[in-house]
Amino acid sequence: MNDDTPAPYIELYVRSMLPNGAHERQEDVINQLQTLEEDGQIDGFNVIVWGKRIAPQSAAARTEEGRYILNRVAEFKQWALSNNVSFDSFHQRTGVDSDIAESSYEAVVLPVMGIAEYTDNELSHVAPCTEGDVVHTIMDRINRLDAGQPSALEQETVDVSLV
């Protein structure tokens, strides 16, 4: 990062019960974040483990951890709207049938992995996200951080000139 831009803080969200192959990808991302922190490219990072889904009306959603996850999901959705990007991973809802309670409920499906980047305590980037036909992946953002570059979304704003 240049001297004028504060180094961002990263939150890495990972699913606790991993599908095949995801564990290695998560380990790679954590190792790269550790290197970025050591090199001063980021101001640190935190790994937050969450499950496959959360039902907003459930007892779990009323716990401190549940409220934290739902607040973050809402913050990410607002960021996506403000930046005109799609964040389908956090918009997915699914119906869940409970045989025990003989009922069904709606739940938010959480992605296997995602990152949230904060600069000066403000959410500045979330990955993965989609802008039109372009997917901005976690690795895209980590590579840009490693190169000391702004996110691709910020770069497009900088590249726009007024005539």
Protein backbone atom coordinates (compact mmCIF):
# COMPACT_ATOMS: atom_id res chain seq x y z
CA MET A 1 0.00 0.00 0.00
CA ASN A 2 1.23 3.52 -0.54
CA ASP A 3 1.94 5.84 2.38
CA ASP A 4 -1.31 7.81 1.87
CA THR A 5 -3.63 4.81 1.95
CA PRO A 6 -4.19 3.00 5.23
CA ALA A 7 -3.71 -0.76 5.09
CA PRO A 8 -7.05 -2.59 5.15
CA TYR A 9 -8.17 -5.10 7.74
CA ILE A 10 -9.58 -8.38 6.36
CA GLU A 11 -12.26 -10.66 7.70
CA LEU A 12 -12.18 -14.14 6.16
CA TYR A 13 -15.41 -16.10 6.49
CA VAL A 14 -15.15 -19.87 6.17
CA ARG A 15 -17.71 -22.61 6.42
CA SER A 16 -17.17 -25.08 9.23
CA MET A 17 -18.28 -28.24 7.41
CA LEU A 18 -16.26 -28.15 4.23
CA PRO A 19 -17.12 -29.66 0.87
CA ASN A 20 -14.35 -31.60 -0.90
CA GLY A 21 -11.39 -29.41 -1.87
CA ALA A 22 -12.47 -26.35 0.09
CA HIS A 23 -10.14 -26.99 3.03
CA GLU A 24 -7.03 -26.64 0.84
CA ARG A 25 -8.36 -23.42 -0.72
CA GLN A 26 -9.09 -22.00 2.73
CA GLU A 27 -5.57 -22.92 3.92
CA ASP A 28 -4.08 -21.21 0.84
CA VAL A 29 -6.05 -18.03 1.48
CA ILE A 30 -5.07 -17.98 5.17
CA ASN A 31 -1.39 -18.45 4.26
CA GLN A 32 -1.59 -15.61 1.73
CA LEU A 33 -3.29 -13.33 4.26
CA GLN A 34 -0.53 -14.12 6.78
CA THR A 35 2.08 -13.14 4.18
CA LEU A 36 0.21 -9.92 3.34
CA GLU A 37 0.09 -9.05 7.05
CA GLU A 38 3.81 -9.78 7.50
CA ASP A 39 4.58 -7.59 4.46
CA GLY A 40 2.43 -4.74 5.78
CA GLN A 41 -0.02 -4.92 2.88
CA ILE A 42 -2.90 -5.48 5.31
CA ASP A 43 -3.39 -4.34 8.89
CA GLY A 44 -4.30 -7.84 10.04
CA PHE A 45 -7.04 -10.36 9.50
CA ASN A 46 -9.50 -12.48 11.40
CA VAL A 47 -10.99 -15.84 10.46
CA ILE A 48 -14.67 -16.22 11.27
CA VAL A 49 -16.12 -19.73 11.09
CA TRP A 50 -19.78 -20.07 10.29
CA GLY A 51 -22.10 -22.85 9.29
CA LYS A 52 -23.87 -23.69 6.06
CA ARG A 53 -26.92 -21.54 6.75
CA ILE A 54 -28.71 -19.48 9.36
CA ALA A 55 -32.42 -19.09 9.80
CA PRO A 56 -33.16 -15.45 10.70
CA GLN A 57 -36.14 -16.43 12.89
CA SER A 58 -34.33 -19.19 14.79
CA ALA A 59 -33.11 -19.24 18.37
CA ALA A 60 -29.54 -19.42 17.03
CA ALA A 61 -30.08 -16.12 15.21
CA ARG A 62 -30.86 -14.46 18.54
CA THR A 63 -27.47 -15.43 20.03
CA GLU A 64 -24.53 -13.02 19.91
CA GLU A 65 -22.92 -15.06 17.13
CA GLY A 66 -26.17 -15.30 15.18
CA ARG A 67 -26.78 -11.55 15.40
CA TYR A 68 -23.18 -10.93 14.31
CA ILE A 69 -23.59 -13.11 11.21
CA LEU A 70 -26.95 -11.61 10.25
CA ASN A 71 -25.61 -8.07 10.75
CA ARG A 72 -22.61 -8.83 8.55
CA VAL A 73 -24.81 -10.36 5.86
CA ALA A 74 -27.00 -7.23 5.91
CA GLU A 75 -23.89 -5.01 5.74
CA PHE A 76 -22.57 -7.00 2.76
CA LYS A 77 -25.92 -6.73 0.96
CA GLN A 78 -25.95 -2.96 1.50
CA TRP A 79 -22.38 -2.70 0.18
CA ALA A 80 -23.38 -4.70 -2.92
CA LEU A 81 -26.34 -2.39 -3.57
CA SER A 82 -24.18 0.72 -3.10
CA ASN A 83 -21.53 -0.62 -5.48
CA ASN A 84 -23.93 -1.95 -8.11
CA VAL A 85 -22.62 -5.50 -7.82
CA SER A 86 -24.31 -8.82 -7.27
CA PHE A 87 -23.58 -10.82 -4.19
CA ASP A 88 -25.67 -13.89 -4.85
CA SER A 89 -23.92 -15.98 -2.17
CA PHE A 90 -25.45 -13.82 0.53
CA HIS A 91 -28.82 -13.36 -1.14
CA GLN A 92 -29.60 -17.05 -1.41
CA ARG A 93 -32.44 -18.22 0.72
CA THR A 94 -33.65 -21.75 0.96
CA GLY A 95 -36.61 -23.50 2.46
CA VAL A 96 -35.72 -26.08 5.09
CA ASP A 97 -38.09 -28.81 6.22
CA SER A 98 -37.79 -29.96 9.82
CA ASP A 99 -39.01 -33.50 10.37
CA ILE A 100 -38.56 -33.14 14.13
CA ALA A 101 -40.70 -30.02 14.46
CA GLU A 102 -42.92 -30.97 11.52
CA SER A 103 -42.49 -27.51 10.09
CA SER A 104 -40.45 -25.62 7.54
CA TYR A 105 -38.54 -22.37 7.70
CA GLU A 106 -36.48 -20.11 5.50
CA ALA A 107 -32.71 -19.82 5.92
CA VAL A 108 -29.88 -17.73 4.47
CA VAL A 109 -27.29 -19.97 2.79
CA LEU A 110 -23.76 -18.86 3.70
CA PRO A 111 -20.90 -19.21 1.21
CA VAL A 112 -18.04 -21.67 1.68
CA MET A 113 -15.62 -18.74 1.83
CA GLY A 114 -15.72 -14.97 1.52
CA ILE A 115 -13.69 -11.93 2.48
CA ALA A 116 -14.71 -8.53 3.74
CA GLU A 117 -12.18 -5.71 3.58
CA TYR A 118 -12.37 -2.77 5.96
CA THR A 119 -10.46 0.47 5.54
CA ASP A 120 -10.68 2.94 8.42
CA ASN A 121 -13.43 0.73 9.91
CA GLU A 122 -15.59 1.12 6.78
CA LEU A 123 -16.48 -1.83 4.55
CA SER A 124 -14.58 -1.22 1.32
CA HIS A 125 -14.77 -4.53 -0.55
CA VAL A 126 -16.45 -7.93 -0.40
CA ALA A 127 -15.46 -10.95 -2.45
CA PRO A 128 -16.65 -12.84 -4.26
CA CYS A 129 -18.97 -10.47 -6.05
CA THR A 130 -20.14 -10.05 -9.62
CA GLU A 131 -20.26 -6.88 -11.66
CA GLY A 132 -22.18 -7.53 -14.85
CA ASP A 133 -20.43 -10.53 -16.39
CA VAL A 134 -17.21 -10.03 -14.38
CA VAL A 135 -16.67 -12.10 -11.25
CA HIS A 136 -14.35 -10.53 -8.68
CA THR A 137 -12.97 -13.51 -6.77
CA ILE A 138 -11.26 -13.74 -3.42
CA MET A 139 -7.96 -14.53 -5.17
CA ASP A 140 -8.37 -11.53 -7.50
CA ARG A 141 -8.59 -9.27 -4.47
CA ILE A 142 -5.72 -10.94 -2.62
CA ASN A 143 -3.51 -10.63 -5.72
CA ARG A 144 -4.38 -6.92 -6.03
CA LEU A 145 -3.63 -6.40 -2.33
CA ASP A 146 -0.29 -8.15 -2.81
CA ALA A 147 0.48 -5.80 -5.71
CA GLY A 148 -0.57 -2.76 -3.65
CA GLN A 149 -3.49 -2.07 -5.98
CA PRO A 150 -7.02 -0.95 -5.16
CA SER A 151 -9.86 -3.36 -5.78
CA ALA A 152 -10.92 -3.75 -9.40
CA LEU A 153 -14.14 -1.90 -8.52
CA GLU A 154 -12.17 1.06 -7.15
CA GLN A 155 -9.75 0.95 -10.09
CA GLU A 156 -12.63 1.30 -12.55
CA THR A 157 -13.82 4.41 -10.69
CA VAL A 158 -10.31 5.90 -10.79
CA ASP A 159 -9.96 5.12 -14.51
CA VAL A 160 -13.16 6.99 -15.38
CA SER A 161 -12.39 10.49 -16.62
CA LEU A 162 -14.73 13.41 -17.00
CA VAL A 163 -14.71 15.28 -20.31
